[in-house]
Protein backbone atom coordinates (compact mmCIF):
# COMPACT_ATOMS: atom_id res chain seq x y z
CA MET A 1 11.49 -25.52 -23.32
CA PRO A 2 9.62 -22.46 -21.92
CA VAL A 3 11.57 -19.38 -21.01
CA GLN A 4 12.01 -19.09 -17.24
CA GLU A 5 10.92 -15.90 -15.57
CA ASP A 6 14.24 -15.06 -13.93
CA GLN A 7 16.50 -15.72 -16.88
CA PRO A 8 18.01 -12.57 -18.38
CA GLY A 9 15.91 -11.34 -21.25
CA ALA A 10 13.09 -13.71 -20.37
CA ALA A 11 10.47 -11.11 -21.18
CA THR A 12 11.94 -10.40 -24.62
CA ALA A 13 13.35 -13.78 -25.68
CA THR A 14 10.51 -14.30 -28.14
CA ARG A 15 8.24 -11.43 -28.97
CA HIS A 16 4.78 -12.97 -29.12
CA PRO A 17 4.99 -15.48 -26.21
CA GLY A 18 6.74 -12.78 -24.14
CA ASP A 19 4.02 -10.27 -24.92
CA ARG A 20 1.30 -12.76 -24.01
CA TYR A 21 3.00 -13.68 -20.76
CA LYS A 22 3.64 -10.13 -19.57
CA TRP A 23 -0.03 -9.21 -20.00
CA SER A 24 -1.09 -12.43 -18.25
CA VAL A 25 1.08 -11.40 -15.32
CA MET A 26 -0.41 -7.90 -15.38
CA VAL A 27 -3.97 -9.31 -15.24
CA VAL A 28 -3.23 -11.55 -12.25
CA VAL A 29 -1.18 -8.96 -10.37
CA GLY A 30 -3.70 -6.24 -11.23
CA SER A 31 -6.46 -8.39 -9.72
CA GLY A 32 -4.56 -8.56 -6.44
CA VAL A 33 -3.78 -4.84 -6.44
CA PHE A 34 -7.39 -3.95 -7.26
CA MET A 35 -8.78 -6.27 -4.59
CA ALA A 36 -6.52 -4.92 -1.86
CA THR A 37 -7.09 -1.27 -2.85
CA LEU A 38 -10.84 -1.73 -3.18
CA ASP A 39 -10.94 -3.36 0.23
CA GLY A 40 -9.05 -0.49 1.85
CA SER A 41 -11.24 2.25 0.40
CA ILE A 42 -14.46 0.33 1.14
CA VAL A 43 -13.48 -0.16 4.78
CA ASN A 44 -12.72 3.55 5.25
CA VAL A 45 -16.24 4.39 4.06
CA SER A 46 -17.78 1.79 6.38
CA LEU A 47 -16.27 3.09 9.65
CA PRO A 48 -19.34 5.12 10.75
CA THR A 49 -21.58 2.11 10.04
CA LEU A 50 -19.28 -0.23 11.97
CA ALA A 51 -19.20 2.17 14.92
CA ARG A 52 -23.01 2.14 15.07
CA GLU A 53 -23.34 -1.62 14.54
CA PHE A 54 -20.85 -2.54 17.25
CA GLY A 55 -21.66 0.36 19.57
CA GLU A 56 -18.02 1.45 19.72
CA ASP A 57 -16.25 4.81 19.64
CA ILE A 58 -14.53 5.84 16.40
CA THR A 59 -11.12 5.62 18.12
CA VAL A 60 -11.77 1.88 18.61
CA VAL A 61 -13.26 1.26 15.17
CA GLN A 62 -10.30 3.05 13.57
CA TRP A 63 -8.22 -0.02 14.44
CA VAL A 64 -10.16 -1.93 11.79
CA VAL A 65 -8.16 0.20 9.33
CA LEU A 66 -4.97 0.58 11.34
CA ALA A 67 -4.65 -3.15 12.16
CA TYR A 68 -4.51 -3.89 8.44
CA LEU A 69 -2.06 -1.08 7.68
CA VAL A 70 0.19 -1.97 10.61
CA GLY A 71 0.14 -5.64 9.64
CA LEU A 72 1.07 -4.80 6.07
CA ALA A 73 3.88 -2.48 7.12
CA GLY A 74 5.26 -5.03 9.57
CA LEU A 75 5.24 -7.95 7.13
CA MET A 76 5.88 -6.43 3.69
CA LEU A 77 9.68 -6.64 3.70
CA SER A 78 9.72 -10.13 5.18
CA MET A 79 7.29 -11.44 2.56
CA GLY A 80 9.34 -9.93 -0.25
CA ARG A 81 12.41 -11.70 1.10
CA LEU A 82 10.44 -14.95 1.54
CA ALA A 83 9.46 -14.81 -2.15
CA ASP A 84 13.11 -14.45 -3.19
CA ILE A 85 13.81 -17.69 -1.29
CA VAL A 86 10.83 -19.96 -2.03
CA GLY A 87 9.55 -18.43 -5.30
CA ARG A 88 7.36 -15.46 -6.17
CA LYS A 89 4.46 -17.37 -7.71
CA ARG A 90 4.07 -19.61 -4.68
CA THR A 91 4.19 -16.68 -2.26
CA PHE A 92 1.86 -14.51 -4.34
CA LEU A 93 -0.83 -17.16 -4.76
CA THR A 94 -0.62 -18.12 -1.09
CA GLY A 95 -1.31 -14.46 -0.40
CA PHE A 96 -4.53 -14.64 -2.41
CA ILE A 97 -5.69 -17.66 -0.40
CA ILE A 98 -4.90 -16.10 2.98
CA PHE A 99 -6.50 -12.80 1.98
CA GLY A 100 -9.66 -14.64 0.92
CA VAL A 101 -9.81 -16.56 4.20
CA GLY A 102 -9.26 -13.35 6.17
CA SER A 103 -12.04 -11.65 4.21
CA ALA A 104 -14.45 -14.47 5.03
CA LEU A 105 -13.54 -14.17 8.73
CA CYS A 106 -14.14 -10.41 8.56
CA GLY A 107 -17.60 -10.92 7.10
CA LEU A 108 -18.48 -13.37 9.89
CA SER A 109 -17.21 -11.14 12.71
CA PRO A 110 -19.52 -11.08 15.80
CA GLY A 111 -17.66 -8.14 17.37
CA VAL A 112 -15.22 -5.37 16.63
CA TRP A 113 -12.12 -7.08 18.07
CA TRP A 114 -12.85 -10.25 16.09
CA LEU A 115 -12.98 -7.99 13.04
CA VAL A 116 -9.67 -6.37 13.98
CA GLY A 117 -8.07 -9.84 14.34
CA ALA A 118 -9.48 -10.95 11.00
CA ARG A 119 -8.02 -7.81 9.42
CA VAL A 120 -4.61 -8.95 10.67
CA VAL A 121 -5.14 -12.23 8.81
CA GLN A 122 -6.00 -10.19 5.74
CA ALA A 123 -2.80 -8.22 6.26
CA VAL A 124 -0.69 -11.40 6.10
CA GLY A 125 -2.17 -12.22 2.71
CA GLY A 126 -2.04 -8.59 1.61
CA ALA A 127 1.66 -8.41 2.45
CA MET A 128 2.36 -11.45 0.27
CA LEU A 129 0.44 -9.86 -2.58
CA GLY A 130 1.81 -6.34 -2.20
CA ALA A 131 5.44 -7.33 -1.79
CA ASN A 132 5.50 -9.54 -4.88
CA GLY A 133 3.19 -7.89 -7.37
CA ALA A 134 5.74 -5.35 -8.59
CA ALA A 135 8.48 -8.01 -8.70
CA LEU A 136 6.36 -10.29 -10.91
CA VAL A 137 5.52 -7.40 -13.25
CA VAL A 138 9.11 -6.13 -13.50
CA ALA A 139 10.38 -9.66 -14.22
CA ALA A 140 7.80 -10.11 -16.99
CA PHE A 141 8.14 -6.72 -18.73
CA PRO A 142 11.29 -5.63 -20.60
CA ALA A 143 13.32 -2.85 -18.99
CA ARG A 144 12.29 -0.36 -21.69
CA GLU A 145 8.63 -0.76 -20.61
CA ARG A 146 9.14 -0.71 -16.86
CA GLY A 147 7.74 2.80 -16.43
CA LYS A 148 4.63 1.91 -18.41
CA ALA A 149 4.12 -1.23 -16.32
CA MET A 150 4.40 0.76 -13.08
CA GLY A 151 2.03 3.34 -14.54
CA ILE A 152 -0.58 0.65 -15.22
CA ILE A 153 -0.30 -0.57 -11.64
CA GLY A 154 -0.75 3.03 -10.47
CA THR A 155 -3.89 3.30 -12.59
CA VAL A 156 -5.30 0.09 -11.10
CA VAL A 157 -4.67 1.49 -7.61
CA SER A 158 -6.55 4.66 -8.53
CA ILE A 159 -9.48 2.69 -9.97
CA GLY A 160 -9.72 0.75 -6.71
CA LEU A 161 -9.68 3.97 -4.70
CA LEU A 162 -12.35 5.51 -6.92
CA THR A 163 -14.75 2.58 -7.04
CA GLY A 164 -14.37 1.62 -3.37
CA PRO A 165 -16.58 4.35 -1.87
CA VAL A 166 -19.25 3.88 -4.56
CA VAL A 167 -19.30 0.08 -4.33
CA GLY A 168 -19.02 0.19 -0.53
CA GLY A 169 -21.93 2.57 -0.15
CA ALA A 170 -24.12 0.47 -2.44
CA ILE A 171 -23.21 -2.80 -0.69
CA ILE A 172 -23.80 -1.41 2.82
CA ALA A 173 -27.15 0.07 1.76
CA THR A 174 -28.43 -3.12 0.10
CA LEU A 175 -26.64 -6.17 1.52
CA GLY A 176 -25.12 -4.98 4.79
CA TRP A 177 -21.56 -4.32 5.97
CA PRO A 178 -20.36 -8.00 6.06
CA PHE A 179 -20.49 -8.12 2.27
CA ILE A 180 -17.90 -5.37 1.88
CA PHE A 181 -15.47 -8.08 3.00
CA LEU A 182 -17.17 -11.15 1.51
CA ILE A 183 -16.93 -9.60 -1.96
CA ASN A 184 -13.20 -10.37 -1.85
CA VAL A 185 -13.71 -14.13 -1.55
CA PRO A 186 -14.76 -14.86 -5.18
CA ILE A 187 -12.14 -12.41 -6.49
CA ALA A 188 -9.40 -14.17 -4.52
CA LEU A 189 -10.61 -17.60 -5.66
CA ALA A 190 -10.73 -16.65 -9.34
CA ALA A 191 -7.33 -14.94 -9.20
CA THR A 192 -5.74 -17.95 -7.48
CA ILE A 193 -7.02 -20.34 -10.15
CA GLY A 194 -5.93 -17.99 -12.92
CA GLY A 195 -2.52 -17.43 -11.35
CA MET A 196 -1.88 -21.17 -11.04
CA ARG A 197 -2.41 -21.51 -14.78
CA LEU A 198 -0.80 -18.31 -16.04
CA LEU A 199 2.17 -17.45 -13.81
CA ARG A 200 5.64 -18.99 -14.06
CA GLU A 201 7.61 -19.74 -10.94
CA SER A 202 10.83 -17.87 -10.26
CA ARG A 203 13.96 -19.86 -9.53
CA GLY A 204 14.17 -19.02 -5.82
CA SER A 205 17.04 -19.69 -3.41
CA PRO A 206 16.19 -22.95 -1.61
CA GLY A 207 19.61 -23.09 0.11
CA GLU A 208 18.86 -19.92 2.07
CA LYS A 209 16.80 -19.78 5.25
CA PHE A 210 14.11 -17.32 6.22
CA ASP A 211 15.09 -14.88 8.98
CA PHE A 212 12.30 -15.35 11.54
CA VAL A 213 14.13 -13.33 14.21
CA GLY A 214 14.55 -10.31 11.96
CA ALA A 215 10.98 -10.55 10.67
CA THR A 216 9.60 -10.69 14.24
CA LEU A 217 11.66 -7.72 15.44
CA LEU A 218 10.60 -5.70 12.38
CA ALA A 219 6.92 -6.40 13.07
CA ILE A 220 7.27 -5.45 16.77
CA TRP A 221 8.98 -2.18 15.83
CA ILE A 222 6.25 -1.18 13.36
CA ILE A 223 3.37 -2.10 15.69
CA ALA A 224 4.84 -0.19 18.65
CA LEU A 225 5.70 2.84 16.48
CA ILE A 226 2.23 3.19 14.93
CA PHE A 227 0.50 2.65 18.28
CA ALA A 228 2.58 5.37 19.93
CA LEU A 229 2.00 7.85 17.10
CA ASN A 230 -1.74 7.20 16.95
CA GLN A 231 -2.57 7.05 20.66
CA GLY A 232 -0.06 9.59 21.99
CA ARG A 233 -2.35 12.62 21.98
CA GLU A 234 -5.35 10.83 23.46
CA ARG A 235 -3.46 8.97 26.22
CA GLY A 236 -0.74 11.56 26.80
CA TRP A 237 2.73 11.53 25.23
CA LEU A 238 4.36 10.87 28.63
CA SER A 239 1.78 8.36 29.88
CA PRO A 240 3.09 4.93 30.97
CA VAL A 241 1.46 3.16 28.02
CA ILE A 242 2.86 5.49 25.35
CA SER A 243 6.26 5.70 27.02
CA THR A 244 6.41 1.91 27.06
CA ALA A 245 5.44 1.80 23.38
CA TRP A 246 8.27 4.19 22.50
CA VAL A 247 10.77 2.13 24.50
CA VAL A 248 9.61 -1.06 22.77
CA ALA A 249 9.81 0.58 19.34
CA ILE A 250 13.33 1.92 19.90
CA ALA A 251 14.58 -1.34 21.45
CA ALA A 252 13.03 -3.48 18.70
CA PHE A 253 14.51 -1.27 15.99
CA ALA A 254 17.99 -1.41 17.54
CA ALA A 255 17.76 -5.17 18.02
CA PHE A 256 16.56 -5.54 14.42
CA ILE A 257 19.58 -3.67 13.05
CA VAL A 258 22.00 -5.77 15.12
CA ALA A 259 20.25 -9.02 14.17
CA GLU A 260 20.30 -8.19 10.46
CA ILE A 261 24.00 -7.32 10.52
CA LYS A 262 24.85 -10.63 12.21
CA ALA A 263 22.39 -12.86 10.29
CA ARG A 264 23.75 -15.12 7.57
CA PHE A 265 20.56 -14.73 5.52
CA PRO A 266 18.97 -11.48 6.80
CA ALA A 267 15.38 -10.53 6.10
CA VAL A 268 16.69 -7.11 5.05
CA GLN A 269 20.22 -6.81 3.71
CA MET A 270 21.63 -3.63 5.19
CA ALA A 271 23.95 -3.27 2.18
CA VAL A 272 21.03 -2.04 0.06
CA PHE A 273 21.06 1.24 1.99
CA GLN A 274 24.51 1.97 0.61
CA ILE A 275 22.89 2.36 -2.83
CA LYS A 276 22.09 6.06 -3.18
CA MET A 277 19.33 5.63 -5.77
CA PHE A 278 17.56 3.06 -3.59
CA ARG A 279 17.96 5.10 -0.40
CA SER A 280 16.67 8.34 -1.87
CA SER A 281 13.71 6.72 -3.68
CA LEU A 282 12.63 4.95 -0.51
CA GLY A 283 12.89 8.04 1.68
CA ILE A 284 11.02 10.27 -0.76
CA ALA A 285 8.21 7.70 -1.09
CA LEU A 286 7.82 7.41 2.69
CA LEU A 287 7.53 11.17 3.17
CA THR A 288 5.20 11.65 0.19
CA PHE A 289 2.71 8.96 1.17
CA ALA A 290 2.75 9.98 4.85
CA SER A 291 1.84 13.53 3.83
CA LEU A 292 -0.80 12.30 1.39
CA ALA A 293 -2.41 10.08 4.04
CA SER A 294 -2.87 13.00 6.41
CA VAL A 295 -4.49 15.06 3.67
CA ILE A 296 -6.85 12.21 2.70
CA LEU A 297 -7.80 11.55 6.33
CA LEU A 298 -8.37 15.15 7.44
CA THR A 299 -9.80 16.81 4.30
CA PRO A 300 -13.28 15.19 4.65
CA PHE A 301 -13.54 16.71 8.15
CA LEU A 302 -12.52 20.08 6.72
CA LEU A 303 -15.13 19.85 3.97
CA GLN A 304 -17.96 18.78 6.28
CA ASP A 305 -17.22 20.75 9.45
CA LEU A 306 -15.83 24.01 8.02
CA LEU A 307 -17.47 24.26 4.59
CA GLY A 308 -20.67 22.38 5.41
CA PHE A 309 -20.53 20.05 2.40
CA PRO A 310 -22.97 17.10 2.43
CA VAL A 311 -21.43 13.63 2.52
CA ALA A 312 -22.20 12.90 -1.14
CA LYS A 313 -20.46 16.09 -2.22
CA VAL A 314 -17.45 15.28 -0.03
CA GLY A 315 -17.09 11.92 -1.78
CA LEU A 316 -17.10 13.56 -5.21
CA VAL A 317 -14.52 16.14 -4.17
CA MET A 318 -12.23 13.53 -2.60
CA ALA A 319 -12.38 11.49 -5.83
CA THR A 320 -10.36 14.24 -7.53
CA ILE A 321 -6.94 12.90 -6.51
CA PRO A 322 -7.34 9.23 -7.55
CA ALA A 323 -9.27 10.15 -10.72
CA ILE A 324 -6.57 12.47 -12.04
CA SER A 325 -3.58 10.47 -10.82
CA GLY A 326 -5.03 7.27 -12.32
CA VAL A 327 -5.31 8.78 -15.79
CA LEU A 328 -1.92 10.49 -15.68
CA ALA A 329 -0.05 7.48 -14.29
CA LEU A 330 -0.21 5.83 -17.72
CA ILE A 331 1.17 8.96 -19.38
CA GLY A 332 3.74 9.38 -16.63
CA GLY A 333 5.00 5.83 -17.09
CA THR A 334 5.50 6.36 -20.82
CA ILE A 335 7.40 9.59 -20.16
CA VAL A 336 9.69 7.79 -17.69
CA ASP A 337 10.47 5.07 -20.26
CA ARG A 338 11.37 7.69 -22.85
CA PHE A 339 13.10 10.45 -20.89
CA GLY A 340 14.12 8.89 -17.58
CA ALA A 341 12.74 9.35 -14.07
CA ARG A 342 14.75 12.23 -12.58
CA VAL A 343 12.96 15.23 -14.14
CA PRO A 344 9.37 13.81 -13.90
CA ALA A 345 9.97 12.83 -10.26
CA SER A 346 11.33 16.26 -9.32
CA LEU A 347 8.55 18.21 -11.04
CA SER A 348 5.87 15.92 -9.63
CA LEU A 349 7.08 16.47 -6.06
CA ILE A 350 6.87 20.23 -6.56
CA LEU A 351 3.24 19.85 -7.66
CA VAL A 352 2.32 17.49 -4.81
CA THR A 353 3.93 19.76 -2.23
CA GLY A 354 2.29 22.88 -3.65
CA GLY A 355 -1.14 21.27 -3.81
CA MET A 356 -0.95 20.02 -0.23
CA ALA A 357 0.33 23.35 1.06
CA SER A 358 -2.53 25.19 -0.63
CA MET A 359 -5.04 23.19 1.46
CA ALA A 360 -3.79 25.08 4.53
CA PHE A 361 -5.40 28.26 3.12
CA VAL A 362 -8.91 26.80 2.80
CA ASP A 363 -11.43 28.77 4.87
CA GLU A 364 -15.20 29.16 5.14
CA ASN A 365 -15.24 31.31 1.98
CA THR A 366 -13.51 28.71 -0.20
CA SER A 367 -15.73 27.26 -2.93
CA ALA A 368 -15.99 23.62 -3.96
CA LEU A 369 -14.29 24.43 -7.27
CA GLN A 370 -11.34 25.98 -5.48
CA VAL A 371 -10.93 22.89 -3.30
CA VAL A 372 -11.13 20.63 -6.35
CA LEU A 373 -8.43 22.66 -8.12
CA ARG A 374 -6.13 22.36 -5.10
CA LEU A 375 -6.65 18.59 -4.93
CA ALA A 376 -6.25 18.35 -8.71
CA VAL A 377 -2.72 19.74 -8.42
CA VAL A 378 -1.95 16.95 -5.93
CA GLY A 379 -3.47 14.39 -8.30
CA VAL A 380 -1.41 15.60 -11.27
CA GLY A 381 1.79 15.44 -9.25
CA LEU A 382 0.97 12.01 -7.85
CA GLY A 383 0.16 10.65 -11.30
CA PHE A 384 3.68 11.44 -12.50
CA PHE A 385 5.38 10.64 -9.19
CA MET A 386 4.23 7.03 -8.77
CA PRO A 387 5.63 5.50 -11.99
CA ALA A 388 8.83 7.57 -11.77
CA ASN A 389 9.59 6.66 -8.18
CA SER A 390 8.48 3.02 -8.55
CA SER A 391 10.58 2.46 -11.66
CA THR A 392 13.64 4.01 -9.99
CA LEU A 393 13.33 1.95 -6.83
CA MET A 394 12.73 -1.33 -8.67
CA SER A 395 15.74 -0.63 -10.91
CA SER A 396 18.07 0.09 -8.00
CA LEU A 397 18.49 -3.54 -6.85
CA PRO A 398 19.72 -6.56 -8.86
CA ARG A 399 17.26 -8.96 -10.46
CA ALA A 400 17.82 -11.63 -7.78
CA GLN A 401 16.47 -9.16 -5.21
CA LEU A 402 13.31 -8.09 -7.05
CA GLY A 403 11.19 -9.52 -4.23
CA LEU A 404 13.02 -7.40 -1.68
CA ALA A 405 12.78 -4.34 -3.94
CA GLY A 406 9.04 -4.91 -4.42
CA GLY A 407 8.67 -5.37 -0.68
CA PHE A 408 10.37 -2.03 -0.03
CA LEU A 409 8.22 -0.35 -2.69
CA ALA A 410 4.97 -1.56 -1.13
CA TRP A 411 6.35 -1.03 2.40
CA SER A 412 7.17 2.62 1.73
CA ARG A 413 3.62 3.26 0.55
CA THR A 414 2.01 1.27 3.36
CA LEU A 415 4.19 2.58 6.21
CA GLY A 416 3.77 6.10 4.86
CA PHE A 417 -0.03 5.78 4.85
CA ALA A 418 -0.06 4.08 8.27
CA THR A 419 2.16 6.76 9.81
CA GLY A 420 0.25 9.60 8.15
CA GLN A 421 -3.12 8.21 9.25
CA ALA A 422 -1.85 7.54 12.75
CA ILE A 423 -0.49 11.07 13.18
CA GLY A 424 -3.49 12.66 11.47
CA GLY A 425 -5.92 10.55 13.51
CA GLY A 426 -4.12 11.44 16.72
CA ARG A 427 -4.16 15.13 15.87
CA SER A 428 -7.88 15.04 15.02
CA SER A 429 -8.91 13.31 18.24
CA PRO A 430 -10.15 15.35 21.14
CA GLY A 431 -7.54 16.77 23.40
CA PRO A 432 -6.62 19.76 25.50
């Protein structure tokens, strides 16, 4: 009888089958992580092209990115909880299918708002993938290798970020912008077929019901919050539209808390916030990725407008962070497995903070090398931070709640990036 994924010691019950299975899981999950990351970085590069093709202002085209990020942030936790109920394999593979369909719809878009809607479809699939990838990996790998596993995932993320601009530029130049989305369709199809054969289903909790009310209120809160942060400067922080968005965000958040406390099977169990390790890991991740998103969004403008770098040179400079963090994530994961997460996480945050702060002192006399060194410090810190923080957060909840833990892990990264891009985009838009 095969070892079930959610049985204690499943990953180590027999050495060779366990080793084969954990790497099978890593290949399938890594495919999903790579596809989603590649898609995000490709789309960022394509925004000027999309603005020209559709004849729209950049503030409109930016919603091609933000719609996906907002959708992910609004659905991540709910999809992690759904996987704990119906099974992680089923939810994860459904995510591949929905993401592939959304990608096809993106490639066929006749207008910008069709494209934005199709990106929301992608976000539904992306939330299923993102919320459950870490849970599948943690369930397959033994606890002593959890840091290494998270480090590998961090490396895959960095590879996607690195290759996205290169692949995106080549595709747009040769095939046209629709193919930056259509490239996902064969990847999703192959990964779905492979996942059906390789992954084992988790036990699930069929007696529990999905909390549609909580999931809806959570999505409304996130959408209203990101809209208010992003559009506040352009429309006016006290304008009727932004004021309404703030009221909706606050009301939805309050209603969500009340609904989750009263729900028999809540989408988010409020008791998890009583766990100090979980609470601190989540908060640190949110702040770190929000800060990083602002740096990633605004630094290209700094390099082009202040320093006069050509676009090709800007791309090479911006590759510094993912290149360095991708290499060091593997080393960082091994260090976490051997020495624990506390010291690597603390030191990494010092490096990330110092590197970001140093960007404030860039002026017209700063050389390309000096900018690269500043970004390299951020990359080194991030490479050690990701496996340390991910391992800590995933270890903070019991095994039966791995889907929820994975949802929070992906949610912290996604909401952080969405918030950071929204605030950074709002600050960079014209205003008095």
